[in-house]
C-alpha atoms as a PDB file:
ATOM      1  CA  UNK A   1     180.253  97.389 139.042  1.00  0.00           C
ATOM      2  CA  UNK A   2     181.918  97.092 142.445  1.00  0.00           C
ATOM      3  CA  UNK A   3     182.159  93.329 141.925  1.00  0.00           C
ATOM      4  CA  UNK A   4     183.615  93.783 138.423  1.00  0.00           C
ATOM      5  CA  UNK A   5     186.172  96.298 139.660  1.00  0.00           C
ATOM      6  CA  UNK A   6     187.275  94.026 142.491  1.00  0.00           C
ATOM      7  CA  UNK A   7     189.116  95.056 145.653  1.00  0.00           C
ATOM      8  CA  UNK A   8     191.942  96.691 143.681  1.00  0.00           C
ATOM      9  CA  UNK A   9     189.633  98.749 141.471  1.00  0.00           C
ATOM     10  CA  UNK A  10     187.481 101.799 142.094  1.00  0.00           C
ATOM     11  CA  UNK A  11     183.990 102.795 141.045  1.00  0.00           C
ATOM     12  CA  UNK A  12     182.928 106.455 140.996  1.00  0.00           C
ATOM     13  CA  UNK A  13     179.175 106.899 140.794  1.00  0.00           C
ATOM     14  CA  UNK A  14     177.366 110.198 140.197  1.00  0.00           C
ATOM     15  CA  UNK A  15     173.847 111.011 141.391  1.00  0.00           C
ATOM     16  CA  UNK A  16     172.557 114.613 141.291  1.00  0.00           C
ATOM     17  CA  UNK A  17     169.127 113.969 142.827  1.00  0.00           C
ATOM     18  CA  UNK A  18     169.338 115.091 146.490  1.00  0.00           C
ATOM     19  CA  UNK A  19     167.103 112.313 147.817  1.00  0.00           C
ATOM     20  CA  UNK A  20     168.365 109.532 145.543  1.00  0.00           C
ATOM     21  CA  UNK A  21     171.914 110.367 146.556  1.00  0.00           C
ATOM     22  CA  UNK A  22     171.169 109.227 150.104  1.00  0.00           C
ATOM     23  CA  UNK A  23     170.648 105.688 148.826  1.00  0.00           C
ATOM     24  CA  UNK A  24     173.845 105.785 146.763  1.00  0.00           C
ATOM     25  CA  UNK A  25     175.814 107.135 149.720  1.00  0.00           C
ATOM     26  CA  UNK A  26     174.518 104.300 151.913  1.00  0.00           C
ATOM     27  CA  UNK A  27     175.769 101.787 149.333  1.00  0.00           C
ATOM     28  CA  UNK A  28     179.152 103.496 149.217  1.00  0.00           C
ATOM     29  CA  UNK A  29     179.450 103.168 152.987  1.00  0.00           C
ATOM     30  CA  UNK A  30     179.102  99.394 152.584  1.00  0.00           C
ATOM     31  CA  UNK A  31     181.500  99.077 149.614  1.00  0.00           C
ATOM     32  CA  UNK A  32     185.059 100.262 150.134  1.00  0.00           C
ATOM     33  CA  UNK A  33     185.724 100.525 146.391  1.00  0.00           C
ATOM     34  CA  UNK A  34     182.658 102.710 145.671  1.00  0.00           C
ATOM     35  CA  UNK A  35     182.770 106.514 145.844  1.00  0.00           C
ATOM     36  CA  UNK A  36     179.472 108.415 145.668  1.00  0.00           C
ATOM     37  CA  UNK A  37     179.416 111.917 144.182  1.00  0.00           C
ATOM     38  CA  UNK A  38     176.381 114.187 144.622  1.00  0.00           C
ATOM     39  CA  UNK A  39     176.672 115.939 141.271  1.00  0.00           C
ATOM     40  CA  UNK A  40     175.427 115.909 137.721  1.00  0.00           C
ATOM     41  CA  UNK A  41     177.884 115.225 134.889  1.00  0.00           C
ATOM     42  CA  UNK A  42     177.691 117.650 131.983  1.00  0.00           C
ATOM     43  CA  UNK A  43     179.801 119.693 129.547  1.00  0.00           C
ATOM     44  CA  UNK A  44     180.620 122.532 131.971  1.00  0.00           C
ATOM     45  CA  UNK A  45     181.199 123.192 135.660  1.00  0.00           C
ATOM     46  CA  UNK A  46     178.165 125.468 135.993  1.00  0.00           C
ATOM     47  CA  UNK A  47     175.226 124.277 138.127  1.00  0.00           C
ATOM     48  CA  UNK A  48     172.361 122.752 136.152  1.00  0.00           C
ATOM     49  CA  UNK A  49     168.630 122.350 136.705  1.00  0.00           C
ATOM     50  CA  UNK A  50     167.506 118.798 137.458  1.00  0.00           C
ATOM     51  CA  UNK A  51     163.883 118.028 136.543  1.00  0.00           C
ATOM     52  CA  UNK A  52     161.953 115.210 138.215  1.00  0.00           C
ATOM     53  CA  UNK A  53     158.469 114.068 139.186  1.00  0.00           C
ATOM     54  CA  UNK A  54     156.563 113.661 142.411  1.00  0.00           C
ATOM     55  CA  UNK A  55     156.998 109.943 143.062  1.00  0.00           C
ATOM     56  CA  UNK A  56     159.810 107.420 143.179  1.00  0.00           C
ATOM     57  CA  UNK A  57     159.036 105.849 139.810  1.00  0.00           C
ATOM     58  CA  UNK A  58     159.078 109.119 137.863  1.00  0.00           C
ATOM     59  CA  UNK A  59     162.178 110.223 139.777  1.00  0.00           C
ATOM     60  CA  UNK A  60     164.082 107.476 137.968  1.00  0.00           C
ATOM     61  CA  UNK A  61     163.557 109.465 134.757  1.00  0.00           C
ATOM     62  CA  UNK A  62     165.011 112.681 136.225  1.00  0.00           C
ATOM     63  CA  UNK A  63     166.959 114.685 133.660  1.00  0.00           C
ATOM     64  CA  UNK A  64     168.926 117.893 133.136  1.00  0.00           C
ATOM     65  CA  UNK A  65     167.405 118.253 129.652  1.00  0.00           C
ATOM     66  CA  UNK A  66     164.713 120.938 129.836  1.00  0.00           C
ATOM     67  CA  UNK A  67     163.006 119.741 126.641  1.00  0.00           C
ATOM     68  CA  UNK A  68     162.360 116.352 128.286  1.00  0.00           C
ATOM     69  CA  UNK A  69     160.763 117.854 131.406  1.00  0.00           C
ATOM     70  CA  UNK A  70     157.201 117.092 130.313  1.00  0.00           C
ATOM     71  CA  UNK A  71     154.035 115.948 132.043  1.00  0.00           C
ATOM     72  CA  UNK A  72     154.069 112.818 129.868  1.00  0.00           C
ATOM     73  CA  UNK A  73     157.371 111.932 131.500  1.00  0.00           C
ATOM     74  CA  UNK A  74     156.818 113.052 135.094  1.00  0.00           C
ATOM     75  CA  UNK A  75     153.090 113.356 135.626  1.00  0.00           C
ATOM     76  CA  UNK A  76     151.105 116.475 136.428  1.00  0.00           C
ATOM     77  CA  UNK A  77     153.703 117.875 138.835  1.00  0.00           C
ATOM     78  CA  UNK A  78     157.089 118.580 137.264  1.00  0.00           C
ATOM     79  CA  UNK A  79     159.552 119.622 139.942  1.00  0.00           C
ATOM     80  CA  UNK A  80     163.082 120.987 139.634  1.00  0.00           C
ATOM     81  CA  UNK A  81     166.122 121.819 141.706  1.00  0.00           C
ATOM     82  CA  UNK A  82     169.498 123.390 140.933  1.00  0.00           C
ATOM     83  CA  UNK A  83     172.343 120.906 141.409  1.00  0.00           C
ATOM     84  CA  UNK A  84     176.132 121.099 141.056  1.00  0.00           C
ATOM     85  CA  UNK A  85     177.739 119.742 137.908  1.00  0.00           C
ATOM     86  CA  UNK A  86     181.166 118.631 136.790  1.00  0.00           C
ATOM     87  CA  UNK A  87     182.783 117.244 133.666  1.00  0.00           C
ATOM     88  CA  UNK A  88     184.533 113.906 133.385  1.00  0.00           C
ATOM     89  CA  UNK A  89     187.666 115.718 132.192  1.00  0.00           C
ATOM     90  CA  UNK A  90     187.761 117.913 135.300  1.00  0.00           C
ATOM     91  CA  UNK A  91     186.849 115.108 137.694  1.00  0.00           C
ATOM     92  CA  UNK A  92     189.446 112.690 136.314  1.00  0.00           C
ATOM     93  CA  UNK A  93     192.184 115.314 136.021  1.00  0.00           C
ATOM     94  CA  UNK A  94     191.727 116.387 139.649  1.00  0.00           C
ATOM     95  CA  UNK A  95     192.078 112.782 140.831  1.00  0.00           C
ATOM     96  CA  UNK A  96     194.608 111.641 138.206  1.00  0.00           C
ATOM     97  CA  UNK A  97     192.193 108.938 137.054  1.00  0.00           C
ATOM     98  CA  UNK A  98     192.420 106.924 133.842  1.00  0.00           C
ATOM     99  CA  UNK A  99     189.015 105.183 133.674  1.00  0.00           C
ATOM    100  CA  UNK A 100     188.809 101.830 131.932  1.00  0.00           C
ATOM    101  CA  UNK A 101     184.986 101.696 131.706  1.00  0.00           C
ATOM    102  CA  UNK A 102     182.426 104.492 131.646  1.00  0.00           C
ATOM    103  CA  UNK A 103     178.715 103.706 131.902  1.00  0.00           C
ATOM    104  CA  UNK A 104     176.350 106.542 131.024  1.00  0.00           C
ATOM    105  CA  UNK A 105     172.617 106.505 131.732  1.00  0.00           C
ATOM    106  CA  UNK A 106     171.578 110.150 132.053  1.00  0.00           C
ATOM    107  CA  UNK A 107     168.152 110.374 130.432  1.00  0.00           C
ATOM    108  CA  UNK A 108     168.987 112.295 127.270  1.00  0.00           C
ATOM    109  CA  UNK A 109     172.070 114.162 128.491  1.00  0.00           C
ATOM    110  CA  UNK A 110     174.562 111.717 126.964  1.00  0.00           C
ATOM    111  CA  UNK A 111     175.872 114.314 124.446  1.00  0.00           C
ATOM    112  CA  UNK A 112     176.687 116.708 127.304  1.00  0.00           C
ATOM    113  CA  UNK A 113     178.614 114.028 129.189  1.00  0.00           C
ATOM    114  CA  UNK A 114     180.668 113.139 126.120  1.00  0.00           C
ATOM    115  CA  UNK A 115     181.335 116.801 125.256  1.00  0.00           C
ATOM    116  CA  UNK A 116     182.860 117.204 128.714  1.00  0.00           C
ATOM    117  CA  UNK A 117     185.030 114.110 128.317  1.00  0.00           C
ATOM    118  CA  UNK A 118     187.285 115.040 125.394  1.00  0.00           C
ATOM    119  CA  UNK A 119     190.558 114.288 127.218  1.00  0.00           C
ATOM    120  CA  UNK A 120     189.127 111.209 128.927  1.00  0.00           C
ATOM    121  CA  UNK A 121     188.070 109.751 125.566  1.00  0.00           C
ATOM    122  CA  UNK A 122     191.694 110.037 124.407  1.00  0.00           C
ATOM    123  CA  UNK A 123     192.411 107.312 127.005  1.00  0.00           C
ATOM    124  CA  UNK A 124     189.990 105.115 125.017  1.00  0.00           C
ATOM    125  CA  UNK A 125     187.900 103.594 127.818  1.00  0.00           C
ATOM    126  CA  UNK A 126     185.105 101.146 127.087  1.00  0.00           C
ATOM    127  CA  UNK A 127     181.805 103.022 126.932  1.00  0.00           C
ATOM    128  CA  UNK A 128     178.318 101.748 127.695  1.00  0.00           C
ATOM    129  CA  UNK A 129     175.458 104.178 127.226  1.00  0.00           C
ATOM    130  CA  UNK A 130     171.718 104.276 126.791  1.00  0.00           C
ATOM    131  CA  UNK A 131     170.022 105.574 123.668  1.00  0.00           C
ATOM    132  CA  UNK A 132     166.418 106.027 122.624  1.00  0.00           C
ATOM    133  CA  UNK A 133     165.446 107.304 119.179  1.00  0.00           C
ATOM    134  CA  UNK A 134     162.207 108.063 117.398  1.00  0.00           C
ATOM    135  CA  UNK A 135     163.688 108.874 113.971  1.00  0.00           C
ATOM    136  CA  UNK A 136     167.394 109.610 113.434  1.00  0.00           C
ATOM    137  CA  UNK A 137     170.465 108.620 115.429  1.00  0.00           C
ATOM    138  CA  UNK A 138     172.181 111.267 117.594  1.00  0.00           C
ATOM    139  CA  UNK A 139     175.335 112.993 116.378  1.00  0.00           C
ATOM    140  CA  UNK A 140     177.531 111.653 119.176  1.00  0.00           C
ATOM    141  CA  UNK A 141     177.526 108.180 117.592  1.00  0.00           C
ATOM    142  CA  UNK A 142     179.392 109.446 114.540  1.00  0.00           C
ATOM    143  CA  UNK A 143     181.749 111.475 116.721  1.00  0.00           C
ATOM    144  CA  UNK A 144     182.702 108.302 118.602  1.00  0.00           C
ATOM    145  CA  UNK A 145     183.245 106.432 115.336  1.00  0.00           C
ATOM    146  CA  UNK A 146     185.543 109.239 114.192  1.00  0.00           C
ATOM    147  CA  UNK A 147     187.620 108.601 117.329  1.00  0.00           C
ATOM    148  CA  UNK A 148     188.089 104.975 116.304  1.00  0.00           C
ATOM    149  CA  UNK A 149     185.307 103.416 118.351  1.00  0.00           C
ATOM    150  CA  UNK A 150     183.224 100.547 117.013  1.00  0.00           C
ATOM    151  CA  UNK A 151     179.621 100.587 118.201  1.00  0.00           C
ATOM    152  CA  UNK A 152     177.363  97.648 119.007  1.00  0.00           C
ATOM    153  CA  UNK A 153     173.878  97.256 120.376  1.00  0.00           C
ATOM    154  CA  UNK A 154     173.975  95.251 123.594  1.00  0.00           C
ATOM    155  CA  UNK A 155     170.203  95.123 123.618  1.00  0.00           C
ATOM    156  CA  UNK A 156     167.313  96.719 121.801  1.00  0.00           C
ATOM    157  CA  UNK A 157     163.644  97.100 122.636  1.00  0.00           C
ATOM    158  CA  UNK A 158     161.824  98.026 119.451  1.00  0.00           C
ATOM    159  CA  UNK A 159     158.403  99.668 119.678  1.00  0.00           C
ATOM    160  CA  UNK A 160     156.052  98.271 117.020  1.00  0.00           C
ATOM    161  CA  UNK A 161     152.447  98.453 115.844  1.00  0.00           C
ATOM    162  CA  UNK A 162     150.080 101.393 115.518  1.00  0.00           C
ATOM    163  CA  UNK A 163     150.502 102.430 119.144  1.00  0.00           C
ATOM    164  CA  UNK A 164     154.230 102.768 119.834  1.00  0.00           C
ATOM    165  CA  UNK A 165     154.661 101.984 123.527  1.00  0.00           C
ATOM    166  CA  UNK A 166     156.390  99.588 125.902  1.00  0.00           C
ATOM    167  CA  UNK A 167     153.178  97.581 125.905  1.00  0.00           C
ATOM    168  CA  UNK A 168     153.879  96.671 122.280  1.00  0.00           C
ATOM    169  CA  UNK A 169     157.528  95.741 121.703  1.00  0.00           C
ATOM    170  CA  UNK A 170     159.876  93.130 120.353  1.00  0.00           C
ATOM    171  CA  UNK A 171     163.336  92.805 121.847  1.00  0.00           C
ATOM    172  CA  UNK A 172     166.707  91.083 121.730  1.00  0.00           C
ATOM    173  CA  UNK A 173     165.922  89.328 125.016  1.00  0.00           C
ATOM    174  CA  UNK A 174     165.844  85.921 123.392  1.00  0.00           C
ATOM    175  CA  UNK A 175     167.968  82.809 123.774  1.00  0.00           C
ATOM    176  CA  UNK A 176     169.152  83.096 120.160  1.00  0.00           C
ATOM    177  CA  UNK A 177     170.936  86.367 120.896  1.00  0.00           C
ATOM    178  CA  UNK A 178     172.561  85.565 124.218  1.00  0.00           C
ATOM    179  CA  UNK A 179     176.255  86.474 124.430  1.00  0.00           C
ATOM    180  CA  UNK A 180     175.862  88.514 121.246  1.00  0.00           C
ATOM    181  CA  UNK A 181     176.550  92.118 120.384  1.00  0.00           C
ATOM    182  CA  UNK A 182     174.864  93.587 117.337  1.00  0.00           C
ATOM    183  CA  UNK A 183     176.735  95.562 114.677  1.00  0.00           C
ATOM    184  CA  UNK A 184     174.804  98.219 112.769  1.00  0.00           C
ATOM    185  CA  UNK A 185     174.920 101.075 110.321  1.00  0.00           C
ATOM    186  CA  UNK A 186     172.984 104.285 110.906  1.00  0.00           C
ATOM    187  CA  UNK A 187     170.586 103.484 108.068  1.00  0.00           C
ATOM    188  CA  UNK A 188     169.866  99.980 109.395  1.00  0.00           C
ATOM    189  CA  UNK A 189     169.178 101.292 112.881  1.00  0.00           C
ATOM    190  CA  UNK A 190     166.945 104.129 111.720  1.00  0.00           C
ATOM    191  CA  UNK A 191     164.858 101.664 109.691  1.00  0.00           C
ATOM    192  CA  UNK A 192     163.919  99.980 113.000  1.00  0.00           C
ATOM    193  CA  UNK A 193     163.019 103.185 114.876  1.00  0.00           C
ATOM    194  CA  UNK A 194     161.511 103.891 117.305  1.00  0.00           C
ATOM    195  CA  UNK A 195     163.493 101.906 119.868  1.00  0.00           C
ATOM    196  CA  UNK A 196     165.501 102.127 123.064  1.00  0.00           C
ATOM    197  CA  UNK A 197     168.816 100.372 123.494  1.00  0.00           C
ATOM    198  CA  UNK A 198     172.116 100.156 125.282  1.00  0.00           C
ATOM    199  CA  UNK A 199     175.244 100.616 123.194  1.00  0.00           C
ATOM    200  CA  UNK A 200     178.733  99.246 123.715  1.00  0.00           C
ATOM    201  CA  UNK A 201     181.584 101.351 122.281  1.00  0.00           C
ATOM    202  CA  UNK A 202     185.040  99.764 122.026  1.00  0.00           C
ATOM    203  CA  UNK A 203     188.388 100.399 120.368  1.00  0.00           C
ATOM    204  CA  UNK A 204     188.967  97.188 118.334  1.00  0.00           C
ATOM    205  CA  UNK A 205     192.732  96.895 118.813  1.00  0.00           C
ATOM    206  CA  UNK A 206     192.655  97.780 122.508  1.00  0.00           C
ATOM    207  CA  UNK A 207     189.586  95.867 123.672  1.00  0.00           C
ATOM    208  CA  UNK A 208     189.795  92.725 121.519  1.00  0.00           C
ATOM    209  CA  UNK A 209     190.508  90.406 124.481  1.00  0.00           C
ATOM    210  CA  UNK A 210     187.342  91.562 126.262  1.00  0.00           C
ATOM    211  CA  UNK A 211     185.295  90.994 123.108  1.00  0.00           C
ATOM    212  CA  UNK A 212     186.609  87.480 122.568  1.00  0.00           C
ATOM    213  CA  UNK A 213     183.717  85.741 124.330  1.00  0.00           C
ATOM    214  CA  UNK A 214     181.027  87.593 122.390  1.00  0.00           C
ATOM    215  CA  UNK A 215     179.507  86.806 119.005  1.00  0.00           C
ATOM    216  CA  UNK A 216     179.003  89.739 116.639  1.00  0.00           C
ATOM    217  CA  UNK A 217     175.688  89.579 114.761  1.00  0.00           C
ATOM    218  CA  UNK A 218     174.669  92.050 112.011  1.00  0.00           C
ATOM    219  CA  UNK A 219     171.503  93.975 112.830  1.00  0.00           C
ATOM    220  CA  UNK A 220     169.656  92.651 109.758  1.00  0.00           C
ATOM    221  CA  UNK A 221     170.183  89.096 111.021  1.00  0.00           C
ATOM    222  CA  UNK A 222     169.439  89.929 114.636  1.00  0.00           C
ATOM    223  CA  UNK A 223     166.180  91.718 113.809  1.00  0.00           C
ATOM    224  CA  UNK A 224     164.735  88.462 112.473  1.00  0.00           C
ATOM    225  CA  UNK A 225     165.390  86.855 115.855  1.00  0.00           C
ATOM    226  CA  UNK A 226     163.759  89.530 118.015  1.00  0.00           C
ATOM    227  CA  UNK A 227     161.277  88.047 120.447  1.00  0.00           C
ATOM    228  CA  UNK A 228     157.873  89.261 121.561  1.00  0.00           C
ATOM    229  CA  UNK A 229     158.186  89.177 125.380  1.00  0.00           C
ATOM    230  CA  UNK A 230     154.447  88.623 125.729  1.00  0.00           C
ATOM    231  CA  UNK A 231     154.522  85.493 123.540  1.00  0.00           C
ATOM    232  CA  UNK A 232     157.730  83.824 124.724  1.00  0.00           C
ATOM    233  CA  UNK A 233     157.593  81.330 127.573  1.00  0.00           C
ATOM    234  CA  UNK A 234     160.170  83.250 129.609  1.00  0.00           C
ATOM    235  CA  UNK A 235     158.218  86.459 129.001  1.00  0.00           C
ATOM    236  CA  UNK A 236     154.998  84.841 130.181  1.00  0.00           C
ATOM    237  CA  UNK A 237     156.731  83.509 133.299  1.00  0.00           C
ATOM    238  CA  UNK A 238     158.198  86.935 134.075  1.00  0.00           C
ATOM    239  CA  UNK A 239     154.816  88.594 133.591  1.00  0.00           C
ATOM    240  CA  UNK A 240     153.119  86.020 135.834  1.00  0.00           C
ATOM    241  CA  UNK A 241     155.689  86.431 138.594  1.00  0.00           C
ATOM    242  CA  UNK A 242     155.529  90.221 138.439  1.00  0.00           C
ATOM    243  CA  UNK A 243     151.734  90.088 138.554  1.00  0.00           C
ATOM    244  CA  UNK A 244     151.868  87.811 141.567  1.00  0.00           C
ATOM    245  CA  UNK A 245     154.359  90.055 143.321  1.00  0.00           C
ATOM    246  CA  UNK A 246     152.572  93.281 142.428  1.00  0.00           C
ATOM    247  CA  UNK A 247     148.744  93.099 142.632  1.00  0.00           C
ATOM    248  CA  UNK A 248     147.055  96.115 141.033  1.00  0.00           C
ATOM    249  CA  UNK A 249     145.682  97.402 144.336  1.00  0.00           C
ATOM    250  CA  UNK A 250     149.230  97.630 145.729  1.00  0.00           C
ATOM    251  CA  UNK A 251     150.429  99.370 142.581  1.00  0.00           C
ATOM    252  CA  UNK A 252     147.766 102.043 143.000  1.00  0.00           C
ATOM    253  CA  UNK A 253     148.258 102.664 146.710  1.00  0.00           C
ATOM    254  CA  UNK A 254     151.994 102.106 147.242  1.00  0.00           C
ATOM    255  CA  UNK A 255     153.975 103.183 144.137  1.00  0.00           C
ATOM    256  CA  UNK A 256     157.262 103.316 146.098  1.00  0.00           C
ATOM    257  CA  UNK A 257     156.838  99.710 147.240  1.00  0.00           C
ATOM    258  CA  UNK A 258     156.078  98.701 143.658  1.00  0.00           C
ATOM    259  CA  UNK A 259     159.444 100.025 142.467  1.00  0.00           C
ATOM    260  CA  UNK A 260     161.234  97.957 145.124  1.00  0.00           C
ATOM    261  CA  UNK A 261     159.250  94.844 144.231  1.00  0.00           C
ATOM    262  CA  UNK A 262     159.998  95.254 140.555  1.00  0.00           C
ATOM    263  CA  UNK A 263     163.701  95.483 141.279  1.00  0.00           C
ATOM    264  CA  UNK A 264     163.459  92.319 143.366  1.00  0.00           C
ATOM    265  CA  UNK A 265     161.552  90.518 140.586  1.00  0.00           C
ATOM    266  CA  UNK A 266     164.150  91.528 137.994  1.00  0.00           C
ATOM    267  CA  UNK A 267     166.978  90.224 140.180  1.00  0.00           C
ATOM    268  CA  UNK A 268     165.183  86.912 140.703  1.00  0.00           C
ATOM    269  CA  UNK A 269     164.425  86.532 137.013  1.00  0.00           C
END
């Protein structure tokens, strides 16, 4: 994001986790156009409870949503801490900011972020946010459409088979869908549940120039092109490289090192 913003732009990044914030702050000290904020983003200014696990990998799934604070998500030890919170409306008003892009990845708290961004959404920034569904789509998609946004899947990882897990997926990570965004209706998307995805929300008239280099593919067409990462050549190569970088004995003994190695592997690949 700092590269995309360039020397004349600014990136404001929020991290509520006390320990994770140290890493973000260190990055901000090396990037003059990056400001690190040790706060959650929600729909009010009241402090919130942040739930997280007991190792670095589960910490990446930390959330302010109490109903997601489960042992399945974090392991046997579910920890929590009270953290400060702000809204995008308050934050931007205080600094007289008019954001052009907002990226939201807050582990289930996306509706709270958008509820606290009513005035900011009137500016019509580009939105990128994560979404995972098991049955029906969340209400905030329709609310964005009512504001004039068009929504597209940037990517989708669909869980298939009898055992719905990330060990058994098909995804848009295929050559046929490169440089594509995927249009969809609620009914079409729900027919493919469960899945996780990233969504791009744009105002057609305002953001047309930025969409010019992308091909729009209907979901029904795209779904036929989904690839099984385990069967594709690129998927096999990625799996082989990750296995070589991360032997099982290291994964068991040094989970923190594993996270770093995975990040390195993803950057290489």
